[in-house]
Protein backbone atom coordinates (compact mmCIF):
# COMPACT_ATOMS: atom_id res chain seq x y z
CA GLY A 1 -11.82 -28.78 -61.48
CA ASN A 2 -12.67 -32.19 -60.97
CA THR A 3 -10.37 -33.40 -63.71
CA GLU A 4 -10.28 -37.04 -63.12
CA SER A 5 -13.80 -37.32 -64.59
CA MET A 6 -12.85 -35.02 -67.47
CA ASN A 7 -9.69 -36.81 -68.52
CA ARG A 8 -11.61 -40.02 -70.20
CA THR A 9 -11.96 -38.04 -73.53
CA ASP A 10 -13.54 -40.25 -76.11
CA GLY A 11 -13.67 -40.28 -79.69
CA ALA A 12 -10.83 -39.31 -82.30
CA THR A 13 -11.89 -35.63 -82.42
CA ARG A 14 -8.66 -33.87 -83.96
CA TYR A 15 -8.51 -31.09 -81.05
CA GLY A 16 -5.47 -30.08 -82.68
CA LYS A 17 -7.26 -28.77 -85.87
CA PHE A 18 -9.09 -26.29 -83.81
CA ILE A 19 -5.63 -24.72 -82.90
CA LYS A 20 -5.24 -23.96 -86.52
CA LYS A 21 -8.14 -21.86 -87.18
CA ASP A 22 -8.34 -18.24 -86.00
CA SER A 23 -8.04 -18.17 -82.53
CA ALA A 24 -9.91 -15.42 -80.65
CA ALA A 25 -7.40 -12.72 -79.57
CA ILE A 26 -6.75 -12.30 -75.71
CA LEU A 27 -7.99 -8.84 -74.67
CA LYS A 28 -7.66 -8.91 -71.21
CA ARG A 29 -6.65 -11.57 -68.59
CA ARG A 30 -6.64 -11.28 -64.82
CA SER A 31 -5.19 -14.36 -62.72
CA MET A 32 -7.48 -15.53 -59.62
CA PHE A 33 -4.45 -16.71 -57.64
CA SER A 34 -1.33 -15.12 -58.32
CA ALA A 35 0.99 -15.26 -55.41
CA ASP A 36 2.37 -11.71 -56.52
CA ALA A 37 -0.16 -9.70 -55.80
CA ILE A 38 0.00 -10.29 -52.02
CA PRO A 39 1.34 -7.48 -50.26
CA PRO A 40 5.36 -8.13 -49.31
CA ASP A 41 4.38 -7.48 -45.77
CA ALA A 42 1.79 -9.89 -45.44
CA ARG A 43 4.11 -12.64 -47.05
CA ASN A 44 6.07 -12.74 -43.67
CA VAL A 45 3.26 -13.21 -41.37
CA ILE A 46 1.61 -15.96 -43.63
CA ALA A 47 5.09 -17.74 -43.84
CA GLU A 48 5.49 -17.35 -39.99
CA PHE A 49 2.11 -17.52 -38.90
CA ASP A 50 2.80 -20.88 -36.43
CA LYS A 51 5.35 -18.30 -34.95
CA ILE A 52 2.68 -15.62 -34.25
CA LEU A 53 0.27 -18.05 -33.08
CA GLN A 54 2.63 -19.51 -30.43
CA SER A 55 3.23 -16.16 -29.26
CA VAL A 56 -0.37 -15.71 -28.87
CA PHE A 57 -1.74 -19.19 -27.68
CA PRO A 58 1.37 -21.15 -26.85
CA ALA A 59 1.61 -24.71 -27.07
CA ASN A 60 3.94 -26.70 -24.97
CA GLY A 61 6.29 -29.71 -26.37
CA ARG A 62 4.33 -32.56 -25.49
CA GLN A 63 1.00 -30.73 -27.18
CA LEU A 64 3.13 -29.61 -30.29
CA ALA A 65 4.23 -33.22 -30.36
CA PHE A 66 0.88 -34.66 -30.43
CA LEU A 67 -0.14 -32.10 -33.01
CA PRO A 68 -0.19 -34.09 -35.95
CA LYS A 69 -1.98 -36.86 -34.76
CA ASN A 70 -4.63 -34.23 -33.28
CA ILE A 71 -5.06 -32.58 -36.80
CA ASN A 72 -5.23 -35.98 -38.41
CA ALA A 73 -8.33 -36.75 -36.29
CA LEU A 74 -10.06 -33.88 -36.52
CA SER A 75 -9.41 -33.81 -40.24
CA HIS A 76 -11.70 -37.17 -40.36
CA ALA A 77 -14.04 -35.49 -37.72
CA LEU A 78 -14.61 -32.61 -40.65
CA THR A 79 -15.15 -34.96 -43.18
CA ASP A 80 -16.17 -38.84 -43.14
CA GLU A 81 -16.92 -38.64 -39.40
CA ARG A 82 -18.51 -35.59 -39.15
CA GLY A 83 -21.92 -36.89 -37.85
CA GLU A 84 -20.18 -37.85 -34.66
CA ARG A 85 -18.60 -34.24 -34.12
CA ARG A 86 -20.59 -32.36 -31.45
CA ARG A 87 -21.61 -28.59 -32.15
CA GLY A 88 -19.51 -26.63 -29.56
CA TYR A 89 -16.39 -28.87 -31.14
CA MET A 90 -14.32 -25.91 -31.27
CA ASN A 91 -14.40 -24.98 -27.67
CA ALA A 92 -12.02 -27.94 -26.86
CA PRO A 93 -8.48 -26.52 -26.30
CA GLU A 94 -6.85 -29.69 -28.26
CA THR A 95 -9.26 -29.02 -31.14
CA LEU A 96 -9.32 -25.75 -31.21
CA SER A 97 -4.97 -26.06 -31.31
CA ALA A 98 -5.27 -28.43 -34.08
CA TYR A 99 -8.09 -26.20 -35.78
CA VAL A 100 -6.21 -22.86 -35.69
CA ARG A 101 -2.48 -24.08 -36.30
CA TYR A 102 -3.48 -26.29 -39.71
CA PHE A 103 -7.02 -25.67 -40.79
CA SER A 104 -6.64 -21.85 -40.36
CA TRP A 105 -3.06 -21.23 -41.84
CA TRP A 106 -4.33 -23.04 -44.86
CA ASN A 107 -7.65 -21.41 -45.28
CA ILE A 108 -5.29 -17.96 -44.81
CA VAL A 109 -3.05 -19.43 -47.61
CA ARG A 110 -6.18 -19.97 -49.86
CA PHE A 111 -7.88 -17.00 -48.73
CA THR A 112 -5.17 -14.33 -49.05
CA ARG A 113 -4.52 -15.68 -52.65
CA LEU A 114 -8.32 -15.12 -53.73
CA PHE A 115 -8.80 -11.78 -51.57
CA ALA A 116 -5.60 -10.02 -53.19
CA ASN A 117 -6.55 -10.64 -56.54
CA PHE A 118 -9.96 -9.04 -56.39
CA GLU A 119 -10.44 -6.43 -58.46
CA LYS A 120 -9.06 -3.05 -56.82
CA ASP A 121 -12.19 -1.60 -55.89
CA ALA A 122 -13.86 -4.83 -55.17
CA PHE A 123 -15.03 -4.17 -51.21
CA ALA A 124 -15.86 -0.76 -52.00
CA LEU A 125 -15.98 -0.24 -47.87
CA SER A 126 -16.13 3.65 -46.32
CA ASP A 127 -15.31 4.50 -43.02
CA GLY A 128 -17.66 3.84 -40.58
CA ASP A 129 -18.91 0.89 -42.56
CA ALA A 130 -20.13 -2.35 -40.14
CA CYS A 131 -19.08 -5.80 -41.77
CA LEU A 132 -20.14 -9.07 -40.85
CA ASP A 133 -18.13 -12.48 -40.59
CA VAL A 134 -20.57 -15.13 -40.24
CA GLY A 135 -19.04 -18.92 -38.49
CA SER A 136 -16.12 -16.56 -37.84
CA GLY A 137 -14.19 -19.21 -36.01
CA PRO A 138 -10.59 -17.85 -35.08
CA LEU A 139 -11.02 -14.76 -37.42
CA THR A 140 -9.50 -16.35 -40.43
CA ALA A 141 -11.46 -14.37 -43.12
CA VAL A 142 -11.16 -11.19 -41.24
CA ILE A 143 -7.36 -11.78 -40.69
CA SER A 144 -6.74 -12.70 -44.29
CA LEU A 145 -8.58 -9.44 -45.50
CA TRP A 146 -6.48 -7.29 -43.34
CA LEU A 147 -3.27 -9.05 -44.78
CA SER A 148 -4.58 -9.24 -48.41
CA ARG A 149 -6.08 -5.57 -48.81
CA PRO A 150 -3.90 -3.04 -47.47
CA GLU A 151 -6.32 -0.10 -48.72
CA LEU A 152 -8.95 -1.36 -46.19
CA ARG A 153 -6.33 -1.65 -43.44
CA ASN A 154 -6.64 2.64 -43.84
CA LYS A 155 -10.67 2.49 -43.27
CA LYS A 156 -12.47 2.49 -40.14
CA LEU A 157 -14.52 -0.72 -39.55
CA THR A 158 -16.88 -2.26 -37.11
CA TRP A 159 -16.34 -6.11 -37.80
CA TYR A 160 -19.31 -8.47 -36.13
CA CYS A 161 -17.67 -11.67 -35.84
CA MET A 162 -20.31 -14.37 -35.26
CA ASP A 163 -19.58 -17.95 -34.05
CA ILE A 164 -21.06 -20.15 -31.72
CA SER A 165 -17.97 -20.82 -29.89
CA GLN A 166 -16.67 -18.31 -27.35
CA ALA A 167 -13.25 -19.62 -27.15
CA SER A 168 -12.76 -19.69 -30.90
CA LEU A 169 -13.81 -16.07 -31.41
CA ALA A 170 -11.60 -14.96 -28.22
CA LEU A 171 -8.38 -16.62 -29.62
CA GLY A 172 -9.07 -15.03 -33.10
CA GLU A 173 -9.19 -11.53 -32.21
CA ASN A 174 -6.10 -11.85 -29.94
CA LEU A 175 -4.54 -13.21 -33.10
CA TYR A 176 -6.06 -10.40 -35.41
CA LEU A 177 -4.71 -8.00 -33.17
CA SER A 178 -1.19 -9.06 -32.86
CA ILE A 179 -1.04 -9.63 -36.68
CA ALA A 180 -2.62 -5.90 -37.43
CA ALA A 181 0.40 -4.55 -35.13
CA ARG A 182 3.01 -6.55 -37.40
CA VAL A 183 1.39 -4.95 -40.82
CA PRO A 184 -0.11 -1.76 -39.63
CA PRO A 185 -2.03 0.47 -42.00
CA SER A 186 -0.04 2.55 -44.31
CA ASP A 187 -1.98 6.05 -42.97
CA LYS A 188 -0.41 7.20 -39.80
CA ASN A 189 -3.78 8.31 -38.98
CA ALA A 190 -5.54 5.57 -39.52
CA ALA A 191 -6.84 3.44 -36.40
CA PRO A 192 -4.24 0.67 -35.57
CA HIS A 193 -6.97 -2.12 -36.31
CA TRP A 194 -10.69 -2.13 -37.00
CA ASN A 195 -13.19 -2.57 -34.39
CA ILE A 196 -14.12 -6.18 -33.50
CA VAL A 197 -17.11 -7.12 -31.80
CA ARG A 198 -17.52 -10.67 -30.99
CA VAL A 199 -21.42 -12.00 -31.18
CA LYS A 200 -21.63 -15.63 -29.85
CA GLY A 201 -24.31 -17.29 -31.51
CA ALA A 202 -25.44 -18.84 -34.68
CA LEU A 203 -26.54 -17.35 -38.39
CA GLY A 204 -30.22 -15.50 -37.68
CA GLU A 205 -28.60 -13.93 -34.44
CA PRO A 206 -29.67 -10.14 -34.30
CA LEU A 207 -27.19 -7.32 -35.01
CA ARG A 208 -27.00 -3.59 -34.25
CA GLN A 209 -26.05 -2.46 -37.39
CA LYS A 210 -26.72 -3.68 -41.35
CA ALA A 211 -23.39 -4.67 -43.00
CA SER A 212 -21.82 -3.41 -45.87
CA LEU A 213 -19.74 -6.24 -46.26
CA ILE A 214 -21.23 -10.07 -45.14
CA VAL A 215 -18.61 -12.78 -45.23
CA CYS A 216 -19.40 -16.53 -44.62
CA ALA A 217 -16.46 -18.75 -45.20
CA ASP A 218 -16.38 -22.53 -44.46
CA MET A 219 -19.73 -22.42 -42.67
CA LEU A 220 -22.47 -23.63 -44.65
CA ASN A 221 -20.85 -27.15 -45.42
CA GLU A 222 -21.15 -27.50 -41.73
CA LEU A 223 -24.72 -26.73 -41.27
CA ARG A 224 -25.34 -29.34 -43.83
CA GLU A 225 -24.99 -32.11 -41.89
CA THR A 226 -27.52 -31.43 -39.03
CA ASP A 227 -30.02 -30.18 -41.79
CA ALA A 228 -32.20 -32.60 -43.51
CA ARG A 229 -33.89 -30.24 -45.63
CA SER A 230 -33.21 -30.20 -49.81
CA ASP A 231 -30.14 -28.34 -51.08
CA GLU A 232 -32.61 -26.19 -52.83
CA ILE A 233 -34.57 -25.22 -49.57
CA ARG A 234 -31.61 -24.65 -47.68
CA ALA A 235 -29.63 -22.62 -50.49
CA LYS A 236 -32.86 -20.02 -50.36
CA GLN A 237 -32.80 -19.97 -46.56
CA TYR A 238 -28.91 -19.23 -46.10
CA ALA A 239 -29.35 -16.54 -49.04
CA SER A 240 -32.25 -15.11 -47.24
CA SER A 241 -30.93 -15.07 -43.66
CA LEU A 242 -27.34 -13.65 -44.93
CA LEU A 243 -29.17 -10.71 -46.69
CA SER A 244 -31.43 -10.11 -43.62
CA TYR A 245 -27.94 -8.21 -42.61
CA ALA A 246 -27.37 -6.57 -45.28
CA ALA A 247 -27.14 -2.61 -46.02
CA LYS A 248 -28.54 -1.03 -48.77
CA LYS A 249 -25.15 -1.07 -50.79
CA CYS A 250 -23.59 -4.32 -49.99
CA GLY A 251 -21.01 -7.12 -50.76
CA LEU A 252 -21.89 -10.96 -50.00
CA LEU A 253 -18.94 -13.05 -49.85
CA VAL A 254 -19.53 -16.75 -49.47
CA ILE A 255 -16.28 -19.15 -49.52
CA GLU A 256 -16.31 -22.63 -49.06
CA PRO A 257 -14.50 -26.01 -49.59
CA GLY A 258 -13.95 -27.02 -53.30
CA VAL A 259 -16.06 -30.25 -53.15
CA PRO A 260 -19.12 -31.24 -55.17
CA SER A 261 -21.70 -30.44 -52.40
CA ALA A 262 -20.45 -27.40 -51.36
CA ALA A 263 -20.30 -26.35 -55.23
CA ARG A 264 -23.98 -27.09 -55.56
CA ILE A 265 -25.25 -25.20 -52.37
CA ILE A 266 -23.13 -22.18 -54.01
CA SER A 267 -24.75 -22.44 -57.47
CA LEU A 268 -28.32 -22.73 -55.93
CA MET A 269 -27.58 -19.57 -53.63
CA ARG A 270 -26.57 -17.82 -56.61
CA ASP A 271 -29.81 -18.55 -58.33
CA THR A 272 -31.62 -17.07 -55.85
CA LEU A 273 -29.38 -14.04 -55.48
CA LEU A 274 -29.74 -13.28 -59.32
CA LYS A 275 -33.34 -13.32 -58.74
CA LYS A 276 -33.06 -10.83 -56.09
CA ASN A 277 -31.14 -8.56 -58.69
CA MET A 278 -28.14 -8.94 -57.01
CA THR A 279 -24.91 -8.81 -59.28
CA ILE A 280 -22.08 -11.46 -59.39
CA VAL A 281 -18.84 -10.10 -59.11
CA SER A 282 -17.03 -13.04 -59.32
CA PRO A 283 -16.29 -15.46 -60.12
CA CYS A 284 -19.11 -16.03 -63.04
CA PRO A 285 -18.69 -14.34 -66.24
CA HIS A 286 -22.45 -14.13 -67.27
CA ALA A 287 -25.64 -14.17 -65.11
CA GLY A 288 -26.99 -17.25 -67.32
CA ALA A 289 -28.00 -20.75 -65.80
CA CYS A 290 -24.98 -22.12 -64.20
CA PRO A 291 -23.13 -24.78 -66.22
CA MET A 292 -21.44 -26.40 -63.75
CA ASN A 293 -23.99 -26.50 -60.87
CA GLY A 294 -22.75 -30.07 -59.13
CA TYR A 295 -25.97 -31.66 -59.39
CA ARG A 296 -25.77 -35.03 -57.81
CA ALA A 297 -21.82 -34.55 -58.72
CA HIS A 298 -20.80 -36.16 -55.24
CA THR A 299 -22.96 -39.23 -56.38
CA GLY A 300 -20.52 -39.65 -59.43
CA SER A 301 -22.88 -37.73 -62.06
CA ALA A 302 -21.59 -36.24 -65.34
CA SER A 303 -22.31 -32.91 -63.61
CA LYS A 304 -19.46 -30.63 -63.31
CA TRP A 305 -19.09 -28.70 -60.27
CA CYS A 306 -17.66 -25.33 -60.17
CA ASN A 307 -14.27 -25.01 -57.93
CA PHE A 308 -10.85 -23.25 -58.72
CA ALA A 309 -7.34 -24.47 -57.78
CA PHE A 310 -3.79 -23.57 -57.39
CA SER A 311 -0.57 -25.55 -56.61
CA THR A 312 0.67 -25.60 -53.14
CA GLU A 313 4.48 -25.20 -54.08
CA ASP A 314 4.94 -21.83 -52.72
CA ALA A 315 3.07 -22.83 -49.57
CA PRO A 316 4.95 -21.79 -46.37
CA PRO A 317 7.47 -24.66 -45.87
CA SER A 318 6.47 -25.21 -42.54
CA LEU A 319 2.82 -25.70 -43.22
CA LEU A 320 3.52 -28.22 -45.89
CA LYS A 321 5.65 -30.18 -43.56
CA LEU A 322 2.99 -30.14 -40.96
CA SER A 323 0.51 -31.35 -43.29
CA LYS A 324 2.93 -34.56 -44.61
CA ASP A 325 3.44 -34.99 -40.86
CA ALA A 326 -0.21 -35.33 -40.12
CA LYS A 327 -0.39 -37.47 -43.25
CA LEU A 328 -2.59 -34.92 -44.94
CA PRO A 329 -0.09 -33.76 -47.82
CA LYS A 330 -1.34 -31.04 -49.80
CA THR A 331 -0.26 -30.39 -53.70
CA ARG A 332 -3.37 -28.12 -54.45
CA ALA A 333 -5.61 -25.67 -52.72
CA VAL A 334 -8.98 -25.74 -53.63
CA VAL A 335 -12.08 -23.47 -53.08
CA SER A 336 -15.46 -22.80 -54.41
CA PHE A 337 -17.20 -19.35 -53.80
CA LEU A 338 -19.36 -16.59 -54.83
CA PHE A 339 -18.97 -12.71 -54.45
CA ALA A 340 -22.40 -10.82 -55.05
CA ARG A 341 -23.39 -6.97 -54.89
CA ASN A 342 -26.82 -5.76 -54.05
CA ALA A 343 -26.40 -2.62 -55.72
CA PHE A 344 -24.62 -0.99 -58.80
CA GLU A 345 -22.76 2.19 -58.42
CA SER A 346 -25.49 4.53 -59.19
CA GLY A 347 -25.12 6.27 -62.75
CA SER A 348 -23.78 3.15 -64.55
CA GLY A 349 -27.19 2.51 -65.89
CA LYS A 350 -26.81 -1.32 -65.69
CA THR A 351 -29.23 -3.88 -64.54
CA SER A 352 -27.55 -6.90 -63.17
CA ASN A 353 -29.50 -9.01 -65.13
CA ALA A 354 -28.37 -7.63 -68.76
CA ALA A 355 -25.91 -10.27 -69.08
CA VAL A 356 -28.36 -13.30 -69.49
CA SER A 357 -29.25 -12.44 -73.19
CA GLU A 358 -25.71 -11.80 -74.10
CA ALA A 359 -25.32 -15.64 -75.33
CA SER A 360 -28.09 -14.93 -77.79
CA LYS A 361 -26.35 -11.99 -79.09
CA PRO A 362 -24.03 -13.00 -82.26
CA VAL A 363 -22.03 -9.51 -82.20
CA ARG A 364 -20.21 -8.28 -79.00
CA ALA A 365 -16.75 -6.25 -78.91
CA GLU A 366 -15.40 -8.84 -75.85
CA PHE A 367 -16.28 -12.23 -74.94
CA PRO A 368 -15.74 -13.40 -71.53
CA ILE A 369 -14.28 -16.74 -70.37
CA ARG A 370 -13.49 -18.14 -66.50
CA ILE A 371 -11.17 -20.65 -66.74
CA VAL A 372 -12.42 -23.55 -64.18
CA SER A 373 -10.33 -26.94 -64.60
CA ASP A 374 -6.78 -27.41 -64.48
CA ALA A 375 -5.41 -28.28 -67.94
CA ILE A 376 -6.68 -31.73 -69.09
CA THR A 377 -5.14 -33.83 -72.25
CA LEU A 378 -7.30 -33.78 -75.52
CA PRO A 379 -7.20 -36.16 -78.26
CA GLY A 380 -4.78 -34.94 -80.96
CA ARG A 381 -2.07 -33.95 -78.40
CA ALA A 382 -3.89 -31.48 -77.80
CA SER A 383 -4.89 -29.80 -73.99
CA GLY A 384 -7.50 -27.58 -73.16
CA HIS A 385 -9.32 -26.53 -69.74
CA TYR A 386 -13.31 -26.55 -69.13
CA ALA A 387 -14.54 -23.15 -68.82
CA CYS A 388 -17.44 -20.73 -68.11
CA SER A 389 -18.89 -18.22 -70.42
CA PRO A 390 -22.12 -16.71 -71.92
CA LEU A 391 -22.46 -19.77 -73.88
CA GLY A 392 -22.50 -21.80 -70.33
CA LEU A 393 -19.86 -24.95 -70.33
CA THR A 394 -17.18 -24.12 -72.92
CA LEU A 395 -13.70 -26.38 -73.46
CA ALA A 396 -10.95 -23.17 -73.94
CA VAL A 397 -7.98 -24.69 -76.14
CA PRO A 398 -4.74 -22.32 -75.66
CA ALA A 399 -3.16 -21.55 -78.67
CA SER A 400 0.34 -22.70 -79.22
CA GLY A 401 2.81 -20.81 -76.11
CA THR A 402 -0.62 -19.42 -74.28
CA LEU A 403 -0.87 -20.91 -70.86
CA LEU A 404 -4.04 -20.65 -68.81
CA PHE A 405 -4.72 -21.66 -64.88
CA SER A 406 -7.51 -22.60 -63.10
CA GLY A 407 -9.30 -19.30 -62.10
CA ASP A 408 -7.99 -17.13 -64.93
CA PHE A 409 -10.49 -14.50 -66.16
CA VAL A 410 -10.01 -13.91 -69.86
CA ALA A 411 -11.70 -11.72 -72.40
CA VAL A 412 -11.23 -12.41 -75.72
CA ARG A 413 -12.57 -10.62 -79.14
CA SER A 414 -16.29 -11.30 -80.07
CA LEU A 415 -16.56 -14.95 -81.28
CA GLY A 416 -19.04 -13.70 -84.64
CA ASP A 417 -21.59 -16.30 -84.88
CA SER A 418 -21.57 -18.56 -81.78
CA ALA A 419 -23.65 -21.38 -83.48
CA ARG A 420 -20.86 -22.17 -85.70
CA LEU A 421 -18.23 -23.12 -83.15
CA PRO A 422 -17.19 -26.61 -82.94
CA LYS A 423 -18.33 -28.90 -80.53
CA ASP A 424 -16.44 -31.28 -77.43
CA GLU A 425 -17.64 -34.62 -78.61
CA LYS A 426 -17.76 -35.52 -74.80
CA THR A 427 -19.86 -32.49 -73.21
CA GLY A 428 -21.20 -30.63 -75.93
CA ALA A 429 -19.25 -27.56 -74.93
CA ALA A 430 -18.51 -25.02 -77.24
CA VAL A 431 -14.54 -25.02 -78.43
CA ILE A 432 -12.92 -21.64 -78.08
CA THR A 433 -9.37 -21.40 -79.19
CA VAL A 434 -7.72 -18.61 -77.22
């Protein structure tokens, strides 16, 4: 999370004393970013992505020598100089080369870690299903799904890959086919790869089929700079536009850079999706109001914004070197995302808004907590993590010997009367020792 603003904890509250009380026993735990979840065959591809790319999209020595400089320039164009960037910027060969050799590679590192750790049946796709990747670029999300979810490699899927840059889609398709050939489906009777249909166009472009999975990665932040409407209006519009492609049973996965403005849009889209009776699969442990909605966080307000991070220490060494050469060293990879479904499995008998009232129920067998921030230092030599739970913003203080990480999902034994929990002086968050 945005730990800088969290570290300045004031007051002399002795957080140490909370640890001595009965801590809530952990019943279940699931990592968001465990590297162990990535299939071994995919790890080799991620490590050698630059070599595979060079075989599909060769660059000569001179171009490679200029690569770090071009990456740095593109990074500025994508962040602080956004207003000056041309809309079809990915059509220029040197820009596309810098993008795919650096940004796509980092996205594959981030996305594969995230996708591989979703629940085993998270995607629930069947043979013959159509999927949509909006703002596909060089098919980064499609490649990441192929690498991280071996069970999907065996499925007969059609992917509509939509982008305004034809050059980027063409390169992405070649890259995907080359990678699929290296990490084939385990089922010998399966097709060697998914069916890719390139769609040149922007969000709103009509499709022939409704999609059972819609992915929108790193695109909404780009739309933001050309759209003067309020975040609230844009979030509703994006949610409606994306859902216009949805089949009766559909998953919607929106991934953005972990910055306050992106987290804000995702939180607002979540509100819209809940109103449409969709279920949030991940990361939210409840369907109540978002306690980390990033409201005005980019202006330095106290509002927290929902983002998750992992250390890049085991990222491919050549990618870390390239980042350093481009003067963009990275120690953490950060992401804000939302994964929602529009239909429960029939017969589960649940309704998606059941969790709204959970916070008001004192007794409950399991209490879910999503760890959001890195460890922060608390008074009394304790450390804790800001987290999200049915109580809203929560401060999770690990009991001695417990290690928690950003993104961890933890279910603890029911808390009894939540009104009696101690409160964090700085934020008013309920303090739970796990």
